[in-house]
Protein backbone atom coordinates (compact mmCIF):
# COMPACT_ATOMS: atom_id res chain seq x y z
CA MET A 1 0.00 0.00 0.00
CA PRO A 2 1.17 3.56 -0.53
CA ARG A 3 3.04 5.18 2.30
CA ILE A 4 4.32 8.66 3.02
CA ARG A 5 7.91 9.37 3.96
CA SER A 6 10.40 12.07 3.07
CA ARG A 7 13.37 11.30 0.85
CA ALA A 8 15.70 12.44 3.63
CA ALA A 9 13.96 10.11 6.06
CA ARG A 10 13.98 7.30 3.52
CA LEU A 11 17.74 7.51 3.14
CA GLY A 12 18.60 8.43 6.71
CA VAL A 13 18.25 4.95 8.22
CA VAL A 14 19.47 4.43 11.77
CA ALA A 15 20.93 1.10 12.91
CA VAL A 16 21.67 -0.07 16.43
CA ALA A 17 25.12 -1.56 16.60
CA GLY A 18 25.47 -4.95 18.16
CA LEU A 19 21.79 -5.55 18.88
CA SER A 20 20.00 -8.47 17.30
CA VAL A 21 16.28 -8.92 17.70
CA LEU A 22 16.63 -12.64 17.14
CA GLY A 23 19.49 -12.91 19.59
CA LEU A 24 17.56 -11.07 22.25
CA VAL A 25 14.36 -13.00 21.68
CA GLY A 26 16.24 -16.27 21.66
CA ALA A 27 17.82 -15.60 25.07
CA ALA A 28 15.04 -17.48 26.87
CA PRO A 29 14.66 -20.98 25.38
CA ALA A 30 11.22 -22.37 24.75
CA SER A 31 9.91 -25.24 26.82
CA ALA A 32 11.11 -28.54 25.43
CA ALA A 33 7.51 -29.68 25.31
CA VAL A 34 6.50 -26.90 22.93
CA LYS A 35 7.36 -27.24 19.28
CA VAL A 36 6.59 -25.42 16.08
CA PRO A 37 3.42 -26.94 14.62
CA SER A 38 4.21 -29.04 11.57
CA GLY A 39 3.41 -27.79 8.10
CA LEU A 40 3.46 -24.06 8.81
CA SER A 41 4.18 -22.11 5.65
CA VAL A 42 3.05 -19.02 3.77
CA SER A 43 0.49 -21.21 2.02
CA SER A 44 -1.01 -22.55 5.27
CA PHE A 45 -3.59 -19.83 5.77
CA ASN A 46 -7.19 -19.67 4.59
CA LEU A 47 -10.39 -17.70 4.91
CA SER A 48 -11.59 -19.83 7.84
CA PHE A 49 -8.50 -19.01 9.98
CA SER A 50 -8.41 -22.71 10.93
CA THR A 51 -4.60 -22.96 10.83
CA LEU A 52 -4.28 -20.60 13.78
CA ALA A 53 -5.85 -23.19 16.10
CA LYS A 54 -2.63 -25.20 15.74
CA LEU A 55 -0.82 -22.43 17.59
CA ARG A 56 -2.80 -22.57 20.83
CA ALA A 57 -0.21 -24.62 22.70
CA VAL A 58 2.49 -22.22 21.51
CA THR A 59 0.39 -19.25 22.60
CA LYS A 60 -0.06 -20.80 26.04
CA ALA A 61 3.68 -21.38 26.36
CA GLY A 62 4.58 -17.84 25.37
CA THR A 63 4.84 -14.87 27.73
CA GLY A 64 4.04 -11.22 27.49
CA MET A 65 1.85 -9.25 25.13
CA VAL A 66 1.95 -8.73 21.37
CA GLY A 67 1.52 -5.07 20.42
CA VAL A 68 0.21 -4.16 16.96
CA ILE A 69 0.47 -0.63 15.58
CA LEU A 70 -1.20 0.22 12.28
CA PRO A 71 -0.15 3.41 10.51
CA ASP A 72 -3.22 5.53 9.75
CA THR A 73 -6.87 5.71 8.79
CA THR A 74 -6.55 8.03 5.80
CA SER A 75 -4.05 6.64 3.25
CA SER A 76 -6.22 3.55 2.89
CA THR A 77 -9.44 2.33 4.49
CA ARG A 78 -7.93 -1.16 4.65
CA TYR A 79 -6.40 -0.68 8.10
CA VAL A 80 -9.78 -0.03 9.71
CA ASN A 81 -11.96 -2.24 7.53
CA PHE A 82 -9.69 -5.25 7.18
CA ASP A 83 -6.33 -5.31 9.00
CA ALA A 84 -7.58 -4.53 12.51
CA PRO A 85 -10.51 -6.99 12.50
CA TYR A 86 -8.52 -9.71 10.72
CA LEU A 87 -5.63 -9.37 13.17
CA ALA A 88 -8.03 -9.54 16.13
CA ARG A 89 -9.65 -12.64 14.65
CA ALA A 90 -6.25 -14.27 14.13
CA PHE A 91 -5.22 -13.62 17.74
CA LYS A 92 -8.46 -15.10 19.04
CA ALA A 93 -8.14 -18.13 16.76
CA ALA A 94 -4.61 -18.69 18.09
CA GLY A 95 -5.92 -18.77 21.67
CA TYR A 96 -4.90 -15.32 22.86
CA LYS A 97 -6.78 -13.70 25.70
CA ALA A 98 -7.87 -10.08 25.22
CA SER A 99 -5.14 -8.97 27.63
CA GLN A 100 -2.42 -10.66 25.57
CA TYR A 101 -2.63 -8.48 22.48
CA LYS A 102 -3.30 -4.84 21.73
CA ILE A 103 -4.09 -3.18 18.39
CA ASP A 104 -3.60 0.57 17.95
CA ASN A 105 -3.57 3.00 15.04
CA ALA A 106 -1.00 5.81 14.90
CA GLN A 107 -3.34 8.08 12.91
CA GLY A 108 -0.54 9.01 10.52
CA VAL A 109 1.65 10.65 13.18
CA ASP A 110 5.23 9.48 13.68
CA ALA A 111 5.34 10.59 17.32
CA THR A 112 2.16 8.64 18.04
CA GLU A 113 3.52 5.47 16.44
CA LEU A 114 6.69 5.67 18.53
CA ALA A 115 4.69 6.47 21.68
CA ASP A 116 2.39 3.49 21.01
CA ALA A 117 5.44 1.24 20.70
CA GLN A 118 6.94 2.56 23.91
CA SER A 119 3.62 2.16 25.70
CA ASP A 120 3.20 -1.43 24.48
CA ILE A 121 6.66 -2.33 25.68
CA SER A 122 6.02 -0.73 29.08
CA LEU A 123 2.88 -2.87 29.30
CA GLY A 124 4.90 -6.02 28.74
CA ALA A 125 4.95 -6.53 24.99
CA LYS A 126 7.54 -9.10 23.93
CA VAL A 127 6.77 -8.75 20.22
CA LEU A 128 5.78 -5.68 18.23
CA VAL A 129 3.98 -5.92 14.89
CA PHE A 130 4.01 -2.50 13.30
CA ASP A 131 3.40 -0.88 9.93
CA PRO A 132 5.88 2.03 9.82
CA ILE A 133 4.48 5.34 8.62
CA ASP A 134 7.93 6.14 7.24
CA SER A 135 11.52 5.03 7.59
CA THR A 136 12.30 7.61 10.28
CA VAL A 137 9.81 6.23 12.79
CA GLY A 138 10.57 2.73 11.55
CA ALA A 139 14.18 3.14 12.66
CA GLN A 140 13.13 4.74 15.94
CA VAL A 141 10.76 1.91 16.82
CA GLN A 142 13.32 -0.71 15.82
CA GLN A 143 15.97 0.94 17.97
CA TYR A 144 13.70 1.17 21.00
CA ALA A 145 12.42 -2.40 20.60
CA ALA A 146 15.91 -3.86 20.20
CA ALA A 147 17.17 -1.97 23.25
CA HIS A 148 14.40 -3.56 25.30
CA GLY A 149 14.79 -7.09 23.97
CA VAL A 150 11.54 -6.98 22.02
CA ALA A 151 11.11 -8.81 18.72
CA LEU A 152 10.01 -6.69 15.78
CA ILE A 153 7.83 -7.60 12.80
CA SER A 154 7.53 -4.94 10.13
CA TYR A 155 4.04 -5.43 8.73
CA ASP A 156 3.24 -4.65 5.06
CA ARG A 157 6.01 -2.03 4.87
CA ALA A 158 9.63 -3.00 5.34
CA THR A 159 11.97 -1.59 7.96
CA PHE A 160 15.44 -2.05 6.53
CA VAL A 161 17.25 -1.60 9.85
CA GLY A 162 18.32 -3.83 12.69
CA LYS A 163 19.74 -7.31 12.47
CA LYS A 164 16.99 -9.79 11.69
CA THR A 165 13.98 -7.50 11.92
CA TYR A 166 11.25 -9.55 10.25
CA TYR A 167 9.07 -8.44 7.34
CA VAL A 168 5.57 -9.77 6.58
CA SER A 169 3.98 -8.68 3.32
CA PHE A 170 3.36 -9.62 -0.28
CA ASN A 171 6.15 -9.90 -2.81
CA ASN A 172 6.39 -6.33 -4.12
CA PHE A 173 8.44 -7.19 -7.19
CA LYS A 174 5.91 -9.89 -8.01
CA VAL A 175 3.13 -7.30 -7.65
CA GLY A 176 4.87 -5.26 -10.32
CA GLN A 177 5.35 -8.28 -12.55
CA LEU A 178 1.63 -9.04 -12.37
CA ILE A 179 0.88 -5.45 -13.39
CA GLY A 180 3.28 -5.78 -16.32
CA LYS A 181 1.88 -9.10 -17.49
CA GLY A 182 -1.70 -7.90 -17.08
CA PHE A 183 -0.92 -4.76 -19.05
CA MET A 184 0.60 -6.65 -21.96
CA ALA A 185 -2.29 -9.12 -22.06
CA CYS A 186 -4.68 -6.19 -22.13
CA VAL A 187 -2.83 -4.46 -24.95
CA THR A 188 -3.32 -7.61 -27.01
CA SER A 189 -6.93 -8.31 -26.08
CA TRP A 190 -7.98 -4.69 -26.58
CA GLY A 191 -6.27 -4.59 -29.98
CA ILE A 192 -3.94 -1.68 -29.25
CA LYS A 193 -1.80 -1.07 -32.33
CA SER A 194 1.79 0.22 -32.02
CA PRO A 195 1.40 0.96 -28.30
CA LYS A 196 2.65 4.37 -27.24
CA VAL A 197 3.03 3.86 -23.52
CA PHE A 198 2.99 6.28 -20.62
CA GLU A 199 3.86 5.05 -17.13
CA LEU A 200 2.59 6.75 -13.99
CA ASP A 201 4.71 5.35 -11.19
CA GLY A 202 3.93 5.48 -7.50
CA GLY A 203 5.67 7.58 -4.86
CA GLU A 204 9.21 6.43 -5.47
CA ASP A 205 10.43 9.63 -3.85
CA THR A 206 9.00 8.47 -0.53
CA ASP A 207 8.30 4.74 -0.78
CA PRO A 208 10.82 1.94 -1.42
CA ASN A 209 7.96 -0.43 -2.27
CA ALA A 210 6.97 1.85 -5.14
CA VAL A 211 10.44 1.33 -6.56
CA SER A 212 9.98 -2.45 -6.40
CA PHE A 213 6.57 -2.23 -8.10
CA ALA A 214 8.01 -0.28 -11.01
CA GLN A 215 11.05 -2.51 -11.29
CA GLY A 216 8.67 -5.46 -11.53
CA TYR A 217 6.50 -4.15 -14.34
CA ASN A 218 9.43 -2.65 -16.21
CA SER A 219 11.21 -6.02 -16.14
CA VAL A 220 8.21 -7.59 -17.87
CA ILE A 221 7.34 -4.86 -20.36
CA TRP A 222 10.77 -3.56 -21.26
CA GLY A 223 13.15 -6.24 -20.01
CA ARG A 224 14.77 -3.78 -17.60
CA ALA A 225 14.27 -3.92 -13.84
CA LYS A 226 14.95 -0.21 -13.47
CA THR A 227 12.92 2.89 -12.70
CA PRO A 228 12.23 5.45 -13.97
CA LEU A 229 13.00 4.67 -17.60
CA THR A 230 14.02 7.07 -20.33
CA PRO A 231 11.38 7.92 -22.96
CA GLY A 232 12.03 6.51 -26.42
CA LEU A 233 12.66 2.99 -25.16
CA THR A 234 11.16 0.23 -27.32
CA ASN A 235 10.61 -3.50 -26.96
CA LYS A 236 10.38 -6.45 -29.34
CA LYS A 237 6.59 -6.21 -29.50
CA GLY A 238 6.68 -2.74 -30.98
CA TYR A 239 5.89 -0.77 -27.83
CA THR A 240 7.38 2.70 -27.44
CA LEU A 241 7.77 4.43 -24.09
CA VAL A 242 6.48 7.99 -24.44
CA GLY A 243 7.01 8.95 -20.82
CA ASP A 244 7.66 7.61 -17.32
CA GLN A 245 7.01 9.83 -14.32
CA ILE A 246 6.88 9.38 -10.56
CA THR A 247 3.86 10.60 -8.60
CA PRO A 248 5.39 12.32 -5.55
CA GLY A 249 4.00 10.95 -2.30
CA TRP A 250 1.42 8.81 -4.12
CA VAL A 251 -0.88 11.84 -4.34
CA ASN A 252 -3.64 10.94 -6.80
CA ALA A 253 -4.48 14.55 -7.64
CA THR A 254 -0.85 15.10 -8.58
CA GLY A 255 -0.95 12.00 -10.74
CA ALA A 256 -4.03 13.32 -12.52
CA THR A 257 -2.24 16.58 -13.29
CA ILE A 258 0.86 14.77 -14.52
CA PHE A 259 -1.11 12.58 -16.89
CA GLN A 260 -3.30 15.41 -18.15
CA GLN A 261 -0.21 17.40 -19.06
CA GLN A 262 1.43 14.41 -20.72
CA PHE A 263 -1.69 13.44 -22.67
CA THR A 264 -2.02 17.00 -23.92
CA ALA A 265 1.63 17.09 -24.96
CA HIS A 266 1.57 13.55 -26.39
CA PRO A 267 -1.90 12.76 -27.73
CA GLN A 268 -0.47 9.63 -29.38
CA ILE A 269 -0.47 7.90 -25.96
CA ASN A 270 -2.72 4.86 -26.32
CA ALA A 271 -1.62 2.63 -23.44
CA THR A 272 -0.78 3.41 -19.81
CA VAL A 273 0.64 1.69 -16.77
CA GLU A 274 -0.33 2.86 -13.27
CA ALA A 275 1.13 1.62 -9.98
CA ASN A 276 -2.17 1.40 -8.10
CA ASP A 277 -5.92 1.82 -8.44
CA GLY A 278 -5.88 5.39 -7.13
CA LEU A 279 -3.58 6.53 -9.92
CA ALA A 280 -5.55 4.48 -12.45
CA ASN A 281 -8.71 6.25 -11.34
CA ALA A 282 -6.99 9.61 -11.82
CA VAL A 283 -5.94 8.67 -15.36
CA ILE A 284 -9.32 7.19 -16.27
CA THR A 285 -11.05 10.34 -15.09
CA ASP A 286 -8.78 12.39 -17.35
CA LEU A 287 -9.41 10.03 -20.27
CA LYS A 288 -13.19 10.11 -19.85
CA ASN A 289 -13.09 13.89 -19.67
CA ALA A 290 -11.22 13.80 -22.99
CA GLY A 291 -13.95 11.63 -24.51
CA VAL A 292 -12.04 8.34 -24.49
CA GLY A 293 -14.38 5.35 -24.29
CA PRO A 294 -13.94 1.86 -22.83
CA ARG A 295 -11.32 -0.59 -24.12
CA LYS A 296 -9.48 2.18 -25.94
CA ILE A 297 -6.54 3.00 -23.64
CA PRO A 298 -5.48 0.36 -21.09
CA THR A 299 -4.82 1.27 -17.45
CA THR A 300 -3.56 -0.90 -14.57
CA GLY A 301 -3.55 -0.90 -10.79
CA GLN A 302 -3.25 -2.69 -7.49
CA ASP A 303 -5.12 -2.88 -4.16
CA ALA A 304 -8.34 -4.25 -5.68
CA THR A 305 -10.42 -1.26 -4.61
CA LEU A 306 -14.15 -1.00 -5.21
CA GLN A 307 -13.52 1.79 -7.74
CA GLY A 308 -10.90 -0.34 -9.46
CA MET A 309 -13.31 -3.26 -9.75
CA GLU A 310 -15.93 -0.93 -11.23
CA TRP A 311 -13.52 0.32 -13.88
CA ILE A 312 -12.47 -3.24 -14.72
CA LEU A 313 -16.06 -4.34 -15.29
CA GLN A 314 -16.80 -1.21 -17.30
CA GLY A 315 -13.80 -1.74 -19.57
CA TYR A 316 -11.57 1.13 -18.50
CA GLN A 317 -9.02 -0.77 -16.40
CA CYS A 318 -7.29 -4.00 -17.36
CA GLY A 319 -7.01 -5.44 -13.88
CA SER A 320 -5.74 -4.90 -10.35
CA VAL A 321 -3.42 -6.79 -8.03
CA TYR A 322 -5.30 -8.30 -5.10
CA LYS A 323 -3.42 -8.87 -1.84
CA PRO A 324 -5.67 -10.83 0.55
CA ILE A 325 -5.21 -9.07 3.87
CA TYR A 326 -6.65 -11.98 5.83
CA LEU A 327 -3.60 -14.01 4.78
CA GLU A 328 -1.21 -11.25 5.81
CA ALA A 329 -2.86 -10.88 9.23
CA GLN A 330 -2.64 -14.63 9.92
CA ASP A 331 0.97 -14.70 8.76
CA ALA A 332 1.92 -11.86 11.11
CA VAL A 333 0.15 -13.36 14.13
CA THR A 334 1.69 -16.77 13.44
CA LEU A 335 5.19 -15.33 13.29
CA ALA A 336 4.59 -13.19 16.38
CA THR A 337 3.32 -16.21 18.31
CA LEU A 338 6.41 -18.25 17.50
CA LEU A 339 8.75 -15.41 18.49
CA ARG A 340 6.79 -14.78 21.69
CA ALA A 341 7.42 -18.42 22.67
CA HIS A 342 11.12 -18.18 21.67
CA LEU A 343 10.71 -20.64 18.82
CA THR A 344 12.58 -20.46 15.53
CA PRO A 345 10.18 -19.84 12.62
CA PRO A 346 10.36 -22.54 9.93
CA LYS A 347 11.90 -21.71 6.57
CA ALA A 348 8.60 -22.42 4.84
CA LEU A 349 7.12 -19.50 6.78
CA VAL A 350 10.08 -17.13 6.64
CA ASN A 351 10.51 -18.01 3.00
CA ALA A 352 12.49 -15.10 1.60
CA THR A 353 14.52 -12.01 2.27
CA THR A 354 13.83 -8.42 1.37
CA SER A 355 16.50 -5.90 0.49
CA PRO A 356 16.39 -2.12 0.17
CA PRO A 357 15.85 -1.00 -3.43
CA LYS A 358 18.82 0.64 -5.09
CA GLY A 359 19.38 4.07 -3.57
CA VAL A 360 17.77 3.19 -0.23
CA THR A 361 20.09 2.73 2.74
CA GLY A 362 19.50 -0.33 4.89
CA GLN A 363 20.04 -4.04 5.40
CA LYS A 364 18.63 -7.26 4.02
CA GLN A 365 15.90 -8.65 6.27
CA PRO A 366 14.29 -12.08 6.66
CA ALA A 367 10.82 -12.00 5.18
CA SER A 368 7.59 -13.92 4.99
CA LEU A 369 6.24 -13.07 1.56
CA LEU A 370 2.78 -14.03 0.37
CA THR A 371 1.65 -14.38 -3.24
CA PRO A 372 -0.62 -11.72 -4.79
CA THR A 373 -3.23 -12.30 -7.51
CA TRP A 374 -4.09 -10.40 -10.70
CA VAL A 375 -7.83 -9.74 -10.78
CA THR A 376 -9.82 -9.23 -13.96
CA SER A 377 -13.49 -9.60 -14.79
CA ALA A 378 -12.80 -13.30 -15.44
CA ASN A 379 -11.79 -14.16 -11.86
CA MET A 380 -13.32 -11.31 -9.84
CA ALA A 381 -16.18 -13.45 -8.55
CA LYS A 382 -13.79 -16.14 -7.31
CA THR A 383 -11.35 -13.75 -5.61
CA VAL A 384 -12.36 -10.39 -4.15
CA ILE A 385 -16.09 -11.18 -4.16
CA HIS A 386 -15.67 -14.68 -2.74
CA ASP A 387 -13.39 -13.33 0.01
CA GLN A 388 -15.87 -10.52 0.77
CA PHE A 389 -13.07 -8.02 0.20
CA ILE A 390 -15.44 -6.19 -2.13
CA SER A 391 -19.18 -5.96 -1.53
CA ALA A 392 -21.04 -7.55 -4.44
CA SER A 393 -24.05 -5.41 -3.62
CA ALA A 394 -22.07 -2.15 -3.70
CA LEU A 395 -20.27 -3.17 -6.89
CA CYS A 396 -23.42 -4.19 -8.74
CA THR A 397 -25.26 -1.08 -7.62
CA ALA A 398 -22.46 0.97 -9.19
CA VAL A 399 -22.09 -0.90 -12.49
CA GLY A 400 -25.53 -2.44 -12.96
CA ALA A 401 -26.88 -5.94 -12.52
CA SER A 402 -26.32 -6.93 -16.15
CA VAL A 403 -22.63 -6.00 -16.01
CA CYS A 404 -22.25 -8.01 -12.81
CA ALA A 405 -24.08 -10.95 -14.34
CA SER A 406 -21.65 -11.00 -17.25
CA ALA A 407 -18.85 -11.53 -14.70
CA ASN A 408 -20.87 -14.17 -12.77
CA ILE A 409 -21.27 -11.81 -9.81
CA LYS A 410 -24.52 -11.99 -7.90
CA PRO A 411 -25.43 -9.00 -5.69
């Protein structure tokens, strides 16, 4: 998800010399009678949360509280509508008592996020799960947690500081690859001739994940895992890159202005790539205002928003990357539960590493990376609708019952 952080903060990462979260957490060995449940992996989780029941003995053996700090309520409604309730459900399924976990929201304020972390630790938290608002507070929380022997899980957004700080999220490069593949499939199916492509990247000035997204789709479309790219680039399929611009801070209104200016200057643009649904919506609004109809100029996105699903069904957006938050919440609680009981997470759960994108200071971190899905009208009913991530009623009210019926969606 988009996040807001200054370039200075992004590059000014603070590390704590000699402190290892894993070393500190591992200081107290787990009871010999308590073991990691067999078969735990990133593919263990499901919509019923049934896997978490396997952790109840581990939860009982652990000590202290798990503190969760979500970043804000404004950059995305997901934290209120999905993350908080899914995390609470995961804790309950794993056998936690209400006093053994705490979920807060920093309301977009760095000082609040740090204060929440300090408060949780003072209340006995042994593990912190937090989604850093930016890299400045991410480093501050990591430093404070490490100094107090508290394990740290960076949730959805990476904290590239500290030795062995964990990261739970979806594979950001893979997200970009899905956008690139979906875009190219759309160019073909929509019959776009000699594609003149404009890319509207996310907030690469503030967000390392935005860099990974763009590197992913550029690797697919242009064969170059770099960002931004220089206009004039071509590929073997006859595409030409007309322009590639970053949207500072992921501000959708800024993205709309950027595209409007580019479309005016380069009316030959007939295919576009956007880093998320918010930017796609900005571009589609500009295109509709210019009289462009459906299936004329492809757009892309991620986050599987209601607006994005509407545009997909109406033929203005090719698809969107769906990242099931219920999987991410279960993953984070599972990892936190193992660390709280001083158990070593299995490699099938901590299945990857994440490294700072080029130009971002920091360290490689162990990661638990889930697999995202590209959603189109063909699989919308079986993904975001089935998972109740998107309300079928709200979607069908917006696009009409006949449009929903064509995608096998019943309100």
